PDB file of N, CA and C in Angstrom:
ATOM      1  N   MET A   1       0.768  -1.063   0.065  1.00  0.00           N
ATOM      2  CA  MET A   1      -0.093  -0.120   0.067  1.00  0.00           C
ATOM      3  C   MET A   1       0.952   1.003   0.273  1.00  0.00           C
ATOM      4  N   ASP A   2       0.350   1.960  -0.904  1.00  0.00           N
ATOM      5  CA  ASP A   2       1.447   3.287  -0.714  1.00  0.00           C
ATOM      6  C   ASP A   2       0.700   4.223   0.204  1.00  0.00           C
ATOM      7  N   GLU A   3       1.743   5.612   0.288  1.00  0.00           N
ATOM      8  CA  GLU A   3       1.400   6.332   1.364  1.00  0.00           C
ATOM      9  C   GLU A   3       0.179   6.990   1.408  1.00  0.00           C
ATOM     10  N   ALA A   4      -0.318   7.565   0.122  1.00  0.00           N
ATOM     11  CA  ALA A   4      -1.426   8.036  -0.206  1.00  0.00           C
ATOM     12  C   ALA A   4      -2.531   6.985   0.216  1.00  0.00           C
ATOM     13  N   ALA A   5      -2.432   5.829   0.003  1.00  0.00           N
ATOM     14  CA  ALA A   5      -3.466   4.864   0.249  1.00  0.00           C
ATOM     15  C   ALA A   5      -3.520   4.668   1.574  1.00  0.00           C
ATOM     16  N   GLN A   6      -2.496   4.752   2.384  1.00  0.00           N
ATOM     17  CA  GLN A   6      -2.344   4.331   3.661  1.00  0.00           C
ATOM     18  C   GLN A   6      -3.179   5.826   4.385  1.00  0.00           C
ATOM     19  N   ALA A   7      -2.810   6.872   3.991  1.00  0.00           N
ATOM     20  CA  ALA A   7      -3.312   8.065   4.726  1.00  0.00           C
ATOM     21  C   ALA A   7      -4.843   7.994   4.733  1.00  0.00           C
ATOM     22  N   GLN A   8      -5.272   7.702   3.384  1.00  0.00           N
ATOM     23  CA  GLN A   8      -6.965   7.432   3.288  1.00  0.00           C
ATOM     24  C   GLN A   8      -7.722   6.448   4.235  1.00  0.00           C
ATOM     25  N   GLU A   9      -6.758   4.976   4.483  1.00  0.00           N
ATOM     26  CA  GLU A   9      -7.327   4.252   5.274  1.00  0.00           C
ATOM     27  C   GLU A   9      -6.591   4.496   6.625  1.00  0.00           C
ATOM     28  N   LEU A  10      -6.294   5.681   7.325  1.00  0.00           N
ATOM     29  CA  LEU A  10      -5.982   6.068   8.195  1.00  0.00           C
ATOM     30  C   LEU A  10      -7.251   7.138   8.716  1.00  0.00           C
ATOM     31  N   VAL A  11      -7.611   8.125   7.462  1.00  0.00           N
ATOM     32  CA  VAL A  11      -8.410   8.869   7.572  1.00  0.00           C
ATOM     33  C   VAL A  11      -9.907   8.117   8.098  1.00  0.00           C
ATOM     34  N   ARG A  12     -10.301   7.086   7.020  1.00  0.00           N
ATOM     35  CA  ARG A  12     -11.625   6.454   6.948  1.00  0.00           C
ATOM     36  C   ARG A  12     -11.626   6.050   8.589  1.00  0.00           C
ATOM     37  N   TYR A  13     -10.762   5.175   9.010  1.00  0.00           N
ATOM     38  CA  TYR A  13     -10.525   4.586  10.409  1.00  0.00           C
ATOM     39  C   TYR A  13     -10.797   5.684  11.443  1.00  0.00           C
ATOM     40  N   ILE A  14     -10.189   6.875  11.350  1.00  0.00           N
ATOM     41  CA  ILE A  14     -10.639   7.979  12.310  1.00  0.00           C
ATOM     42  C   ILE A  14     -12.133   8.318  12.399  1.00  0.00           C
ATOM     43  N   LEU A  15     -12.377   8.689  11.139  1.00  0.00           N
ATOM     44  CA  LEU A  15     -13.617   9.094  11.116  1.00  0.00           C
ATOM     45  C   LEU A  15     -15.070   8.087  11.426  1.00  0.00           C
ATOM     46  N   GLN A  16     -14.518   6.698  11.065  1.00  0.00           N
ATOM     47  CA  GLN A  16     -15.361   5.723  11.439  1.00  0.00           C
ATOM     48  C   GLN A  16     -15.302   5.107  12.767  1.00  0.00           C
ATOM     49  N   GLU A  17     -14.257   5.092  13.243  1.00  0.00           N
ATOM     50  CA  GLU A  17     -13.803   4.118  14.438  1.00  0.00           C
ATOM     51  C   GLU A  17     -13.583   5.461  15.575  1.00  0.00           C
ATOM     52  N   ILE A  18     -13.294   6.479  15.519  1.00  0.00           N
ATOM     53  CA  ILE A  18     -12.919   7.224  16.452  1.00  0.00           C
ATOM     54  C   ILE A  18     -13.736   8.436  16.902  1.00  0.00           C
ATOM     55  N   ILE A  19     -14.128   9.162  15.804  1.00  0.00           N
ATOM     56  CA  ILE A  19     -14.419  10.583  16.116  1.00  0.00           C
ATOM     57  C   ILE A  19     -16.212  10.087  16.241  1.00  0.00           C
ATOM     58  N   HIS A  20     -16.884   9.700  15.185  1.00  0.00           N
ATOM     59  CA  HIS A  20     -17.891   9.197  15.160  1.00  0.00           C
ATOM     60  C   HIS A  20     -18.988  10.582  15.013  1.00  0.00           C
ATOM     61  N   ARG A  21     -18.650  11.432  14.431  1.00  0.00           N
ATOM     62  CA  ARG A  21     -19.448  12.438  14.163  1.00  0.00           C
ATOM     63  C   ARG A  21     -19.817  12.811  12.726  1.00  0.00           C
ATOM     64  N   PRO A  22     -20.939  12.508  12.307  1.00  0.00           N
ATOM     65  CA  PRO A  22     -21.381  12.754  11.206  1.00  0.00           C
ATOM     66  C   PRO A  22     -21.141  14.038  10.449  1.00  0.00           C
ATOM     67  N   GLY A  23     -20.940  14.011   9.345  1.00  0.00           N
ATOM     68  CA  GLY A  23     -20.739  15.319   8.805  1.00  0.00           C
ATOM     69  C   GLY A  23     -19.319  15.875   8.988  1.00  0.00           C
ATOM     70  N   THR A  24     -18.453  15.420   9.785  1.00  0.00           N
ATOM     71  CA  THR A  24     -17.106  15.961   9.762  1.00  0.00           C
ATOM     72  C   THR A  24     -16.409  15.503   8.935  1.00  0.00           C
ATOM     73  N   GLU A  25     -15.467  16.359   8.608  1.00  0.00           N
ATOM     74  CA  GLU A  25     -14.433  16.507   7.466  1.00  0.00           C
ATOM     75  C   GLU A  25     -12.820  16.451   7.880  1.00  0.00           C
ATOM     76  N   LEU A  26     -12.395  15.348   7.392  1.00  0.00           N
ATOM     77  CA  LEU A  26     -11.212  15.217   7.590  1.00  0.00           C
ATOM     78  C   LEU A  26      -9.795  14.847   6.489  1.00  0.00           C
ATOM     79  N   THR A  27      -8.929  15.783   6.458  1.00  0.00           N
ATOM     80  CA  THR A  27      -7.773  15.131   5.680  1.00  0.00           C
ATOM     81  C   THR A  27      -6.494  14.715   6.218  1.00  0.00           C
ATOM     82  N   PRO A  28      -5.783  14.081   5.386  1.00  0.00           N
ATOM     83  CA  PRO A  28      -4.304  14.024   6.011  1.00  0.00           C
ATOM     84  C   PRO A  28      -3.546  14.984   6.831  1.00  0.00           C
ATOM     85  N   ASP A  29      -4.191  16.318   6.629  1.00  0.00           N
ATOM     86  CA  ASP A  29      -3.051  17.350   7.269  1.00  0.00           C
ATOM     87  C   ASP A  29      -4.402  17.930   8.302  1.00  0.00           C
ATOM     88  N   SER A  30      -5.408  17.240   8.583  1.00  0.00           N
ATOM     89  CA  SER A  30      -6.260  18.234   9.756  1.00  0.00           C
ATOM     90  C   SER A  30      -5.678  17.885  11.107  1.00  0.00           C
ATOM     91  N   PRO A  31      -5.662  18.851  11.750  1.00  0.00           N
ATOM     92  CA  PRO A  31      -5.013  18.446  13.034  1.00  0.00           C
ATOM     93  C   PRO A  31      -6.105  17.572  14.061  1.00  0.00           C
ATOM     94  N   LEU A  32      -5.953  16.882  14.703  1.00  0.00           N
ATOM     95  CA  LEU A  32      -6.802  15.859  15.812  1.00  0.00           C
ATOM     96  C   LEU A  32      -6.349  16.258  17.001  1.00  0.00           C
ATOM     97  N   VAL A  33      -5.523  16.071  17.673  1.00  0.00           N
ATOM     98  CA  VAL A  33      -5.427  16.538  18.949  1.00  0.00           C
ATOM     99  C   VAL A  33      -5.532  18.125  19.292  1.00  0.00           C
ATOM    100  N   SER A  34      -4.503  18.682  18.457  1.00  0.00           N
ATOM    101  CA  SER A  34      -4.561  20.233  18.796  1.00  0.00           C
ATOM    102  C   SER A  34      -5.858  20.807  18.652  1.00  0.00           C
ATOM    103  N   SER A  35      -6.734  20.198  17.920  1.00  0.00           N
ATOM    104  CA  SER A  35      -8.416  20.429  17.665  1.00  0.00           C
ATOM    105  C   SER A  35      -9.197  20.341  18.668  1.00  0.00           C
ATOM    106  N   GLY A  36      -8.690  19.225  19.143  1.00  0.00           N
ATOM    107  CA  GLY A  36      -9.641  18.465  20.194  1.00  0.00           C
ATOM    108  C   GLY A  36     -10.488  17.416  19.434  1.00  0.00           C
ATOM    109  N   LEU A  37     -10.264  17.100  17.975  1.00  0.00           N
ATOM    110  CA  LEU A  37     -11.181  16.293  17.809  1.00  0.00           C
ATOM    111  C   LEU A  37     -11.073  14.942  18.375  1.00  0.00           C
ATOM    112  N   ILE A  38      -9.711  14.512  18.821  1.00  0.00           N
ATOM    113  CA  ILE A  38      -9.500  13.170  19.401  1.00  0.00           C
ATOM    114  C   ILE A  38      -8.918  13.399  20.803  1.00  0.00           C
ATOM    115  N   ASP A  39      -8.866  12.459  21.435  1.00  0.00           N
ATOM    116  CA  ASP A  39      -8.017  12.476  22.968  1.00  0.00           C
ATOM    117  C   ASP A  39      -6.809  11.594  23.095  1.00  0.00           C
ATOM    118  N   SER A  40      -6.177  12.164  23.966  1.00  0.00           N
ATOM    119  CA  SER A  40      -4.956  10.973  24.208  1.00  0.00           C
ATOM    120  C   SER A  40      -5.213   9.141  24.272  1.00  0.00           C
ATOM    121  N   PHE A  41      -6.587   9.130  24.577  1.00  0.00           N
ATOM    122  CA  PHE A  41      -6.727   7.712  24.799  1.00  0.00           C
ATOM    123  C   PHE A  41      -6.836   7.078  23.450  1.00  0.00           C
ATOM    124  N   ALA A  42      -7.748   8.075  22.361  1.00  0.00           N
ATOM    125  CA  ALA A  42      -7.839   7.732  20.924  1.00  0.00           C
ATOM    126  C   ALA A  42      -6.604   7.379  20.457  1.00  0.00           C
ATOM    127  N   LEU A  43      -5.215   7.872  21.104  1.00  0.00           N
ATOM    128  CA  LEU A  43      -3.914   8.062  20.339  1.00  0.00           C
ATOM    129  C   LEU A  43      -3.659   6.339  20.347  1.00  0.00           C
ATOM    130  N   VAL A  44      -3.939   5.574  21.523  1.00  0.00           N
ATOM    131  CA  VAL A  44      -3.478   4.203  21.416  1.00  0.00           C
ATOM    132  C   VAL A  44      -4.015   3.439  20.374  1.00  0.00           C
ATOM    133  N   ASP A  45      -5.371   3.698  20.135  1.00  0.00           N
ATOM    134  CA  ASP A  45      -6.257   2.642  19.081  1.00  0.00           C
ATOM    135  C   ASP A  45      -5.703   3.047  17.633  1.00  0.00           C
ATOM    136  N   ILE A  46      -5.462   4.372  17.520  1.00  0.00           N
ATOM    137  CA  ILE A  46      -4.779   4.679  16.123  1.00  0.00           C
ATOM    138  C   ILE A  46      -3.603   4.416  16.156  1.00  0.00           C
ATOM    139  N   LEU A  47      -2.757   4.277  17.245  1.00  0.00           N
ATOM    140  CA  LEU A  47      -1.535   3.987  17.137  1.00  0.00           C
ATOM    141  C   LEU A  47      -1.074   2.371  16.445  1.00  0.00           C
ATOM    142  N   VAL A  48      -1.990   1.644  16.962  1.00  0.00           N
ATOM    143  CA  VAL A  48      -2.223   0.617  16.463  1.00  0.00           C
ATOM    144  C   VAL A  48      -2.808   0.294  14.874  1.00  0.00           C
ATOM    145  N   LYS A  49      -3.626   0.998  14.826  1.00  0.00           N
ATOM    146  CA  LYS A  49      -3.961   1.147  13.322  1.00  0.00           C
ATOM    147  C   LYS A  49      -2.894   1.562  12.345  1.00  0.00           C
ATOM    148  N   VAL A  50      -2.218   2.255  12.718  1.00  0.00           N
ATOM    149  CA  VAL A  50      -0.771   3.108  12.280  1.00  0.00           C
ATOM    150  C   VAL A  50       0.388   1.704  12.054  1.00  0.00           C
ATOM    151  N   GLU A  51       0.173   0.953  12.824  1.00  0.00           N
ATOM    152  CA  GLU A  51       1.075  -0.089  12.779  1.00  0.00           C
ATOM    153  C   GLU A  51       0.389  -1.239  11.670  1.00  0.00           C
ATOM    154  N   ASP A  52      -0.787  -1.185  11.743  1.00  0.00           N
ATOM    155  CA  ASP A  52      -1.149  -2.298  10.854  1.00  0.00           C
ATOM    156  C   ASP A  52      -1.213  -1.573   9.569  1.00  0.00           C
ATOM    157  N   VAL A  53      -1.587  -0.606   9.030  1.00  0.00           N
ATOM    158  CA  VAL A  53      -1.673   0.072   7.729  1.00  0.00           C
ATOM    159  C   VAL A  53      -0.164   0.040   7.324  1.00  0.00           C
ATOM    160  N   THR A  54       0.740   0.647   8.211  1.00  0.00           N
ATOM    161  CA  THR A  54       2.195   0.704   7.670  1.00  0.00           C
ATOM    162  C   THR A  54       3.047  -0.515   7.533  1.00  0.00           C
ATOM    163  N   ASN A  55       2.594  -1.705   8.364  1.00  0.00           N
ATOM    164  CA  ASN A  55       3.179  -3.150   8.678  1.00  0.00           C
ATOM    165  C   ASN A  55       4.797  -2.667   9.320  1.00  0.00           C
ATOM    166  N   LEU A  56       4.652  -1.710  10.515  1.00  0.00           N
ATOM    167  CA  LEU A  56       5.976  -1.349  11.177  1.00  0.00           C
ATOM    168  C   LEU A  56       5.265  -1.616  12.690  1.00  0.00           C
ATOM    169  N   ARG A  57       6.436  -2.090  13.492  1.00  0.00           N
ATOM    170  CA  ARG A  57       6.031  -1.662  14.847  1.00  0.00           C
ATOM    171  C   ARG A  57       6.663  -0.283  15.369  1.00  0.00           C
ATOM    172  N   ILE A  58       5.999   0.248  16.242  1.00  0.00           N
ATOM    173  CA  ILE A  58       6.302   1.652  16.554  1.00  0.00           C
ATOM    174  C   ILE A  58       6.442   1.480  17.960  1.00  0.00           C
ATOM    175  N   PRO A  59       7.675   2.043  18.588  1.00  0.00           N
ATOM    176  CA  PRO A  59       7.957   1.886  19.752  1.00  0.00           C
ATOM    177  C   PRO A  59       7.198   3.288  20.405  1.00  0.00           C
ATOM    178  N   ALA A  60       6.134   2.987  21.444  1.00  0.00           N
ATOM    179  CA  ALA A  60       5.359   4.166  21.886  1.00  0.00           C
ATOM    180  C   ALA A  60       6.125   4.922  22.574  1.00  0.00           C
ATOM    181  N   GLY A  61       7.075   4.559  23.208  1.00  0.00           N
ATOM    182  CA  GLY A  61       8.177   5.427  24.147  1.00  0.00           C
ATOM    183  C   GLY A  61       8.682   6.685  23.225  1.00  0.00           C
ATOM    184  N   LYS A  62       8.873   6.253  21.703  1.00  0.00           N
ATOM    185  CA  LYS A  62       9.682   6.848  20.830  1.00  0.00           C
ATOM    186  C   LYS A  62       8.878   8.205  20.210  1.00  0.00           C
ATOM    187  N   ILE A  63       7.273   7.957  20.806  1.00  0.00           N
ATOM    188  CA  ILE A  63       6.705   9.062  19.795  1.00  0.00           C
ATOM    189  C   ILE A  63       5.927   9.887  21.112  1.00  0.00           C
ATOM    190  N   GLN A  64       5.402  11.355  20.578  1.00  0.00           N
ATOM    191  CA  GLN A  64       4.839  12.162  21.572  1.00  0.00           C
ATOM    192  C   GLN A  64       3.492  12.538  20.838  1.00  0.00           C
ATOM    193  N   ALA A  65       2.171  13.118  21.705  1.00  0.00           N
ATOM    194  CA  ALA A  65       1.035  13.355  20.906  1.00  0.00           C
ATOM    195  C   ALA A  65       1.390  14.512  19.839  1.00  0.00           C
ATOM    196  N   LYS A  66       2.340  15.234  19.826  1.00  0.00           N
ATOM    197  CA  LYS A  66       2.591  16.107  18.542  1.00  0.00           C
ATOM    198  C   LYS A  66       2.943  14.847  17.285  1.00  0.00           C
ATOM    199  N   ASP A  67       3.314  14.068  17.489  1.00  0.00           N
ATOM    200  CA  ASP A  67       3.609  13.409  16.588  1.00  0.00           C
ATOM    201  C   ASP A  67       2.438  12.530  15.787  1.00  0.00           C
ATOM    202  N   MET A  68       1.199  12.848  16.467  1.00  0.00           N
ATOM    203  CA  MET A  68       0.140  11.985  16.128  1.00  0.00           C
ATOM    204  C   MET A  68      -0.829  13.254  15.785  1.00  0.00           C
ATOM    205  N   ASP A  69      -0.316  14.456  15.641  1.00  0.00           N
ATOM    206  CA  ASP A  69      -1.602  15.272  15.368  1.00  0.00           C
ATOM    207  C   ASP A  69      -2.092  15.164  14.155  1.00  0.00           C
ATOM    208  N   THR A  70      -1.470  14.753  12.892  1.00  0.00           N
ATOM    209  CA  THR A  70      -2.143  14.871  11.768  1.00  0.00           C
ATOM    210  C   THR A  70      -1.831  13.449  11.103  1.00  0.00           C
ATOM    211  N   VAL A  71      -2.665  12.642  10.340  1.00  0.00           N
ATOM    212  CA  VAL A  71      -2.163  11.612   9.828  1.00  0.00           C
ATOM    213  C   VAL A  71      -1.182  11.755   8.870  1.00  0.00           C
ATOM    214  N   ASN A  72      -0.822  12.913   8.493  1.00  0.00           N
ATOM    215  CA  ASN A  72       0.586  12.550   7.422  1.00  0.00           C
ATOM    216  C   ASN A  72       1.788  12.734   8.607  1.00  0.00           C
ATOM    217  N   LEU A  73       1.649  13.146   9.729  1.00  0.00           N
ATOM    218  CA  LEU A  73       2.779  13.109  10.936  1.00  0.00           C
ATOM    219  C   LEU A  73       2.919  11.816  11.386  1.00  0.00           C
ATOM    220  N   MET A  74       1.671  10.969  11.749  1.00  0.00           N
ATOM    221  CA  MET A  74       1.481   9.631  12.191  1.00  0.00           C
ATOM    222  C   MET A  74       2.501   9.021  10.913  1.00  0.00           C
ATOM    223  N   LEU A  75       2.487   9.218   9.719  1.00  0.00           N
ATOM    224  CA  LEU A  75       2.889   8.274   8.715  1.00  0.00           C
ATOM    225  C   LEU A  75       4.398   8.587   8.705  1.00  0.00           C
ATOM    226  N   ALA A  76       4.887  10.093   9.112  1.00  0.00           N
ATOM    227  CA  ALA A  76       6.269  10.108   8.832  1.00  0.00           C
ATOM    228  C   ALA A  76       6.730   9.653   9.947  1.00  0.00           C
ATOM    229  N   THR A  77       6.301   9.983  11.242  1.00  0.00           N
ATOM    230  CA  THR A  77       6.604   9.247  12.598  1.00  0.00           C
ATOM    231  C   THR A  77       6.908   7.878  12.375  1.00  0.00           C
ATOM    232  N   ALA A  78       5.874   6.930  11.796  1.00  0.00           N
ATOM    233  CA  ALA A  78       6.356   5.540  11.538  1.00  0.00           C
ATOM    234  C   ALA A  78       7.152   5.577  10.592  1.00  0.00           C
ATOM    235  N   LYS A  79       7.333   6.095   9.520  1.00  0.00           N
ATOM    236  CA  LYS A  79       8.941   5.771   8.675  1.00  0.00           C
ATOM    237  C   LYS A  79      10.006   5.997   9.488  1.00  0.00           C
ATOM    238  N   ARG A  80      10.125   7.063  10.504  1.00  0.00           N
ATOM    239  CA  ARG A  80      10.985   7.517  11.260  1.00  0.00           C
ATOM    240  C   ARG A  80      11.502   6.574  12.264  1.00  0.00           C
ATOM    241  N   VAL A  81      10.802   6.121  13.040  1.00  0.00           N
ATOM    242  CA  VAL A  81      10.861   5.263  14.337  1.00  0.00           C
ATOM    243  C   VAL A  81      10.418   4.033  13.867  1.00  0.00           C
ATOM    244  N   GLY A  82       9.599   3.593  12.830  1.00  0.00           N
ATOM    245  CA  GLY A  82       9.311   2.284  12.822  1.00  0.00           C
ATOM    246  C   GLY A  82      10.257   1.356  12.412  1.00  0.00           C
ATOM    247  N   LYS A  83       9.723   0.216  12.824  1.00  0.00           N
ATOM    248  CA  LYS A  83      10.727  -1.280  12.607  1.00  0.00           C
ATOM    249  C   LYS A  83      10.045  -2.307  11.747  1.00  0.00           C
ATOM    250  N   PRO A  84      10.604  -2.766  10.656  1.00  0.00           N
ATOM    251  CA  PRO A  84       9.674  -3.913  10.138  1.00  0.00           C
ATOM    252  C   PRO A  84       9.409  -4.983  11.222  1.00  0.00           C
ATOM    253  N   ARG A  85       7.841  -5.155  11.110  1.00  0.00           N
ATOM    254  CA  ARG A  85       7.275  -6.299  11.508  1.00  0.00           C
ATOM    255  C   ARG A  85       8.001  -7.529  11.326  1.00  0.00           C
ATOM    256  N   LYS A  86       8.176  -8.523  12.118  1.00  0.00           N
ATOM    257  CA  LYS A  86       8.685  -9.789  11.968  1.00  0.00           C
ATOM    258  C   LYS A  86       7.738 -10.657  11.257  1.00  0.00           C
ATOM    259  N   SER A  87       7.949 -11.439  10.337  1.00  0.00           N
ATOM    260  CA  SER A  87       6.789 -12.342   9.980  1.00  0.00           C
ATOM    261  C   SER A  87       6.442 -13.639  10.738  1.00  0.00           C
ATOM    262  N   LYS A  88       5.385 -14.011  10.640  1.00  0.00           N
ATOM    263  CA  LYS A  88       4.881 -15.218  11.546  1.00  0.00           C
ATOM    264  C   LYS A  88       5.055 -16.483  11.352  1.00  0.00           C
TER     265      LYS A  88
END
C-alpha cells in the first residue's frame, strides 16, 4: 500500500471508529489532537492502526502526542521510528 492509500485508510478509520461525528471532514493534514477532535486515549487505538497500515512496529516510548496530530505526521513518524514487523 502506498503512502496516499495508507493516509486514506487512516482517515477512514479515524472518522468511522474514533470520531463518530457525522458530517466531520478530515484530511491527512487536519489537526486531530490540537483541535480537540481526538483525545490521548484514542491515540492508543490509532497507533495500533498505524502499525497495521504501515506494517511497522512503532515503539510507543519514541513518540509524543505532537507526532500524532495529523495523519501525515503519524505516517512520517512511523517511517522515522518504526521497525519492520517480523513475519509469523
